Amino acid sequence: MNPEVWSQFIRENWLVIVIALVLLFAVVNIVKTMLKWAIVVVIVVGLFIYSGVTMDQIGNAVNQVADGTVSTLKKEAQEVMLKEAQEAVYTSGGDGTFTITTPNLEVKGSAAEDKVEVVFRGVSLGKWSVTDTTKTFIDEARKQAGK
């Protein structure tokens, strides 16, 4: 994914790139079905394969972006936990389960487990181990419920 390699590829294959772009615009503007997006994907993947980029490299780039995004969301969710702990609404399920909701978070778990399910702004961030931050958030929500 070296910029010099891409620059060299573009200089050597500018005509192929222009033809691919024209085809993409034609397909997007003319075809009105789901087939349109299949054709677009085939053209883009074909261009990448023609450039020498392997599917493994594309997969690795996608995974890096996804991991970075999830990591950023988790960090932001932890910050929001601390800020919104005073607004948290604690609901007990009676069987040891609980749900804590704030304007941006929803945390579900069980007193018997060391993991909780976290939903941040409508996006599930999966099951988290109960860390100090999470424990503080749960304790603060319980205090708010006891008032």
C-alpha atoms as a PDB file:
ATOM      1  CA  MET A   1       0.000   0.000   0.000  1.00  0.00           C
ATOM      2  CA  ASN A   2       2.932   2.281  -0.756  1.00  0.00           C
ATOM      3  CA  PRO A   3       1.845   5.638  -2.263  1.00  0.00           C
ATOM      4  CA  GLU A   4       4.725   5.540  -4.744  1.00  0.00           C
ATOM      5  CA  VAL A   5       3.518   2.201  -6.110  1.00  0.00           C
ATOM      6  CA  TRP A   6       0.009   3.601  -6.547  1.00  0.00           C
ATOM      7  CA  SER A   7       1.356   6.724  -8.222  1.00  0.00           C
ATOM      8  CA  GLN A   8       3.402   4.650 -10.648  1.00  0.00           C
ATOM      9  CA  PHE A   9       0.437   2.380 -11.371  1.00  0.00           C
ATOM     10  CA  ILE A  10      -1.818   5.357 -12.104  1.00  0.00           C
ATOM     11  CA  ARG A  11       0.742   6.910 -14.459  1.00  0.00           C
ATOM     12  CA  GLU A  12       1.201   3.661 -16.354  1.00  0.00           C
ATOM     13  CA  ASN A  13      -2.457   2.633 -16.486  1.00  0.00           C
ATOM     14  CA  TRP A  14      -4.370   5.908 -16.610  1.00  0.00           C
ATOM     15  CA  LEU A  15      -6.305   4.828 -19.681  1.00  0.00           C
ATOM     16  CA  VAL A  16      -7.574   1.632 -17.979  1.00  0.00           C
ATOM     17  CA  ILE A  17      -8.580   3.666 -14.916  1.00  0.00           C
ATOM     18  CA  VAL A  18     -10.473   6.213 -17.035  1.00  0.00           C
ATOM     19  CA  ILE A  19     -12.308   3.434 -18.887  1.00  0.00           C
ATOM     20  CA  ALA A  20     -13.206   1.772 -15.568  1.00  0.00           C
ATOM     21  CA  LEU A  21     -14.528   5.078 -14.199  1.00  0.00           C
ATOM     22  CA  VAL A  22     -16.622   5.684 -17.312  1.00  0.00           C
ATOM     23  CA  LEU A  23     -18.045   2.173 -17.013  1.00  0.00           C
ATOM     24  CA  LEU A  24     -18.812   2.739 -13.326  1.00  0.00           C
ATOM     25  CA  PHE A  25     -20.668   5.991 -14.015  1.00  0.00           C
ATOM     26  CA  ALA A  26     -22.558   4.414 -16.904  1.00  0.00           C
ATOM     27  CA  VAL A  27     -23.594   1.415 -14.815  1.00  0.00           C
ATOM     28  CA  VAL A  28     -24.651   3.546 -11.833  1.00  0.00           C
ATOM     29  CA  ASN A  29     -26.687   5.932 -13.998  1.00  0.00           C
ATOM     30  CA  ILE A  30     -28.261   3.435 -16.411  1.00  0.00           C
ATOM     31  CA  VAL A  31     -28.857   0.225 -14.471  1.00  0.00           C
ATOM     32  CA  LYS A  32     -31.539   0.606 -11.776  1.00  0.00           C
ATOM     33  CA  THR A  33     -31.462  -2.772 -10.017  1.00  0.00           C
ATOM     34  CA  MET A  34     -29.347  -4.580  -7.468  1.00  0.00           C
ATOM     35  CA  LEU A  35     -27.421  -5.955 -10.419  1.00  0.00           C
ATOM     36  CA  LYS A  36     -25.926  -2.467 -10.705  1.00  0.00           C
ATOM     37  CA  TRP A  37     -24.036  -2.864  -7.438  1.00  0.00           C
ATOM     38  CA  ALA A  38     -22.800  -6.320  -8.384  1.00  0.00           C
ATOM     39  CA  ILE A  39     -21.378  -4.896 -11.611  1.00  0.00           C
ATOM     40  CA  VAL A  40     -19.783  -1.986  -9.706  1.00  0.00           C
ATOM     41  CA  VAL A  41     -18.133  -4.395  -7.266  1.00  0.00           C
ATOM     42  CA  VAL A  42     -16.826  -6.558 -10.114  1.00  0.00           C
ATOM     43  CA  ILE A  43     -15.318  -3.531 -11.868  1.00  0.00           C
ATOM     44  CA  VAL A  44     -13.676  -2.203  -8.694  1.00  0.00           C
ATOM     45  CA  VAL A  45     -12.329  -5.623  -7.677  1.00  0.00           C
ATOM     46  CA  GLY A  46     -11.091  -6.180 -11.228  1.00  0.00           C
ATOM     47  CA  LEU A  47      -9.252  -2.867 -11.139  1.00  0.00           C
ATOM     48  CA  PHE A  48      -7.637  -3.740  -7.820  1.00  0.00           C
ATOM     49  CA  ILE A  49      -6.600  -7.181  -9.034  1.00  0.00           C
ATOM     50  CA  TYR A  50      -5.229  -5.645 -12.229  1.00  0.00           C
ATOM     51  CA  SER A  51      -3.185  -3.215 -10.113  1.00  0.00           C
ATOM     52  CA  GLY A  52      -1.510  -6.077  -8.273  1.00  0.00           C
ATOM     53  CA  VAL A  53      -3.306  -5.587  -4.987  1.00  0.00           C
ATOM     54  CA  THR A  54      -4.182  -8.978  -3.552  1.00  0.00           C
ATOM     55  CA  MET A  55      -7.420  -9.844  -1.800  1.00  0.00           C
ATOM     56  CA  ASP A  56      -5.369 -10.511   1.354  1.00  0.00           C
ATOM     57  CA  GLN A  57      -4.095  -6.918   1.290  1.00  0.00           C
ATOM     58  CA  ILE A  58      -7.622  -5.603   0.809  1.00  0.00           C
ATOM     59  CA  GLY A  59      -8.872  -7.826   3.639  1.00  0.00           C
ATOM     60  CA  ASN A  60      -6.066  -6.680   5.927  1.00  0.00           C
ATOM     61  CA  ALA A  61      -6.818  -3.019   5.188  1.00  0.00           C
ATOM     62  CA  VAL A  62     -10.529  -3.559   5.891  1.00  0.00           C
ATOM     63  CA  ASN A  63      -9.717  -5.391   9.145  1.00  0.00           C
ATOM     64  CA  GLN A  64      -7.380  -2.606  10.268  1.00  0.00           C
ATOM     65  CA  VAL A  65     -10.049   0.020   9.658  1.00  0.00           C
ATOM     66  CA  ALA A  66     -12.703  -2.081  11.419  1.00  0.00           C
ATOM     67  CA  ASP A  67     -10.449  -2.760  14.425  1.00  0.00           C
ATOM     68  CA  GLY A  68      -9.539   0.911  14.685  1.00  0.00           C
ATOM     69  CA  THR A  69     -13.181   1.953  14.522  1.00  0.00           C
ATOM     70  CA  VAL A  70     -14.272  -0.540  17.195  1.00  0.00           C
ATOM     71  CA  SER A  71     -11.367   0.487  19.418  1.00  0.00           C
ATOM     72  CA  THR A  72     -12.319   4.155  19.086  1.00  0.00           C
ATOM     73  CA  LEU A  73     -15.977   3.388  19.824  1.00  0.00           C
ATOM     74  CA  LYS A  74     -15.027   1.377  22.914  1.00  0.00           C
ATOM     75  CA  LYS A  75     -12.833   4.187  24.218  1.00  0.00           C
ATOM     76  CA  GLU A  76     -15.586   6.740  23.591  1.00  0.00           C
ATOM     77  CA  ALA A  77     -18.179   4.482  25.240  1.00  0.00           C
ATOM     78  CA  GLN A  78     -16.019   4.207  28.366  1.00  0.00           C
ATOM     79  CA  GLU A  79     -15.706   7.992  28.534  1.00  0.00           C
ATOM     80  CA  VAL A  80     -19.473   8.341  28.134  1.00  0.00           C
ATOM     81  CA  MET A  81     -20.002   5.771  30.913  1.00  0.00           C
ATOM     82  CA  LEU A  82     -18.167   8.002  33.346  1.00  0.00           C
ATOM     83  CA  LYS A  83     -19.937  11.167  32.173  1.00  0.00           C
ATOM     84  CA  GLU A  84     -23.465   9.730  32.097  1.00  0.00           C
ATOM     85  CA  ALA A  85     -23.288   7.609  35.257  1.00  0.00           C
ATOM     86  CA  GLN A  86     -25.361  10.238  37.123  1.00  0.00           C
ATOM     87  CA  GLU A  87     -28.151   9.940  34.502  1.00  0.00           C
ATOM     88  CA  ALA A  88     -28.180   6.141  34.453  1.00  0.00           C
ATOM     89  CA  VAL A  89     -31.435   4.260  34.972  1.00  0.00           C
ATOM     90  CA  TYR A  90     -30.885   0.880  36.618  1.00  0.00           C
ATOM     91  CA  THR A  91     -33.503  -1.813  36.038  1.00  0.00           C
ATOM     92  CA  SER A  92     -33.277  -5.150  37.819  1.00  0.00           C
ATOM     93  CA  GLY A  93     -34.710  -8.256  36.219  1.00  0.00           C
ATOM     94  CA  GLY A  94     -35.306  -9.965  39.563  1.00  0.00           C
ATOM     95  CA  ASP A  95     -33.291 -13.027  38.537  1.00  0.00           C
ATOM     96  CA  GLY A  96     -29.907 -11.339  38.910  1.00  0.00           C
ATOM     97  CA  THR A  97     -30.006  -9.705  35.500  1.00  0.00           C
ATOM     98  CA  PHE A  98     -29.935  -5.956  35.073  1.00  0.00           C
ATOM     99  CA  THR A  99     -30.164  -3.288  32.414  1.00  0.00           C
ATOM    100  CA  ILE A 100     -28.648   0.153  32.710  1.00  0.00           C
ATOM    101  CA  THR A 101     -29.674   2.829  30.236  1.00  0.00           C
ATOM    102  CA  THR A 102     -28.411   6.352  29.637  1.00  0.00           C
ATOM    103  CA  PRO A 103     -29.050   8.693  26.712  1.00  0.00           C
ATOM    104  CA  ASN A 104     -26.183   7.068  24.759  1.00  0.00           C
ATOM    105  CA  LEU A 105     -25.581   3.685  26.393  1.00  0.00           C
ATOM    106  CA  GLU A 106     -27.333   0.465  27.254  1.00  0.00           C
ATOM    107  CA  VAL A 107     -25.542  -2.085  29.410  1.00  0.00           C
ATOM    108  CA  LYS A 108     -27.064  -5.514  30.077  1.00  0.00           C
ATOM    109  CA  GLY A 109     -25.618  -8.148  32.320  1.00  0.00           C
ATOM    110  CA  SER A 110     -26.022 -10.556  35.172  1.00  0.00           C
ATOM    111  CA  ALA A 111     -24.643 -10.355  38.684  1.00  0.00           C
ATOM    112  CA  ALA A 112     -23.352 -13.926  38.279  1.00  0.00           C
ATOM    113  CA  GLU A 113     -21.288 -13.133  35.165  1.00  0.00           C
ATOM    114  CA  ASP A 114     -18.120 -11.102  34.667  1.00  0.00           C
ATOM    115  CA  LYS A 115     -19.226  -9.869  31.230  1.00  0.00           C
ATOM    116  CA  VAL A 116     -21.796  -7.294  30.159  1.00  0.00           C
ATOM    117  CA  GLU A 117     -23.299  -6.507  26.781  1.00  0.00           C
ATOM    118  CA  VAL A 118     -22.734  -2.889  25.723  1.00  0.00           C
ATOM    119  CA  VAL A 119     -24.754  -0.962  23.136  1.00  0.00           C
ATOM    120  CA  PHE A 120     -23.405   2.517  22.345  1.00  0.00           C
ATOM    121  CA  ARG A 121     -25.636   4.902  20.389  1.00  0.00           C
ATOM    122  CA  GLY A 122     -27.576   1.987  18.959  1.00  0.00           C
ATOM    123  CA  VAL A 123     -24.454   0.050  17.887  1.00  0.00           C
ATOM    124  CA  SER A 124     -23.688  -3.192  19.700  1.00  0.00           C
ATOM    125  CA  LEU A 125     -20.091  -3.293  20.897  1.00  0.00           C
ATOM    126  CA  GLY A 126     -20.387  -6.903  22.024  1.00  0.00           C
ATOM    127  CA  LYS A 127     -19.694  -8.411  25.409  1.00  0.00           C
ATOM    128  CA  TRP A 128     -17.134  -6.670  27.583  1.00  0.00           C
ATOM    129  CA  SER A 129     -15.323  -7.975  30.618  1.00  0.00           C
ATOM    130  CA  VAL A 130     -16.234  -5.989  33.705  1.00  0.00           C
ATOM    131  CA  THR A 131     -13.339  -3.571  34.193  1.00  0.00           C
ATOM    132  CA  ASP A 132     -12.880  -0.857  36.808  1.00  0.00           C
ATOM    133  CA  THR A 133     -14.682   1.663  34.573  1.00  0.00           C
ATOM    134  CA  THR A 134     -17.590  -0.681  33.930  1.00  0.00           C
ATOM    135  CA  LYS A 135     -17.793  -1.660  37.615  1.00  0.00           C
ATOM    136  CA  THR A 136     -17.849   2.009  38.660  1.00  0.00           C
ATOM    137  CA  PHE A 137     -20.617   2.691  36.126  1.00  0.00           C
ATOM    138  CA  ILE A 138     -22.722  -0.238  37.399  1.00  0.00           C
ATOM    139  CA  ASP A 139     -22.216   0.763  41.046  1.00  0.00           C
ATOM    140  CA  GLU A 140     -23.126   4.396  40.330  1.00  0.00           C
ATOM    141  CA  ALA A 141     -26.267   3.306  38.460  1.00  0.00           C
ATOM    142  CA  ARG A 142     -27.284   1.113  41.412  1.00  0.00           C
ATOM    143  CA  LYS A 143     -26.798   4.079  43.760  1.00  0.00           C
ATOM    144  CA  GLN A 144     -28.982   6.230  41.507  1.00  0.00           C
ATOM    145  CA  ALA A 145     -31.705   3.543  41.585  1.00  0.00           C
ATOM    146  CA  GLY A 146     -31.560   3.382  45.382  1.00  0.00           C
ATOM    147  CA  LYS A 147     -32.277   7.109  45.842  1.00  0.00           C
END
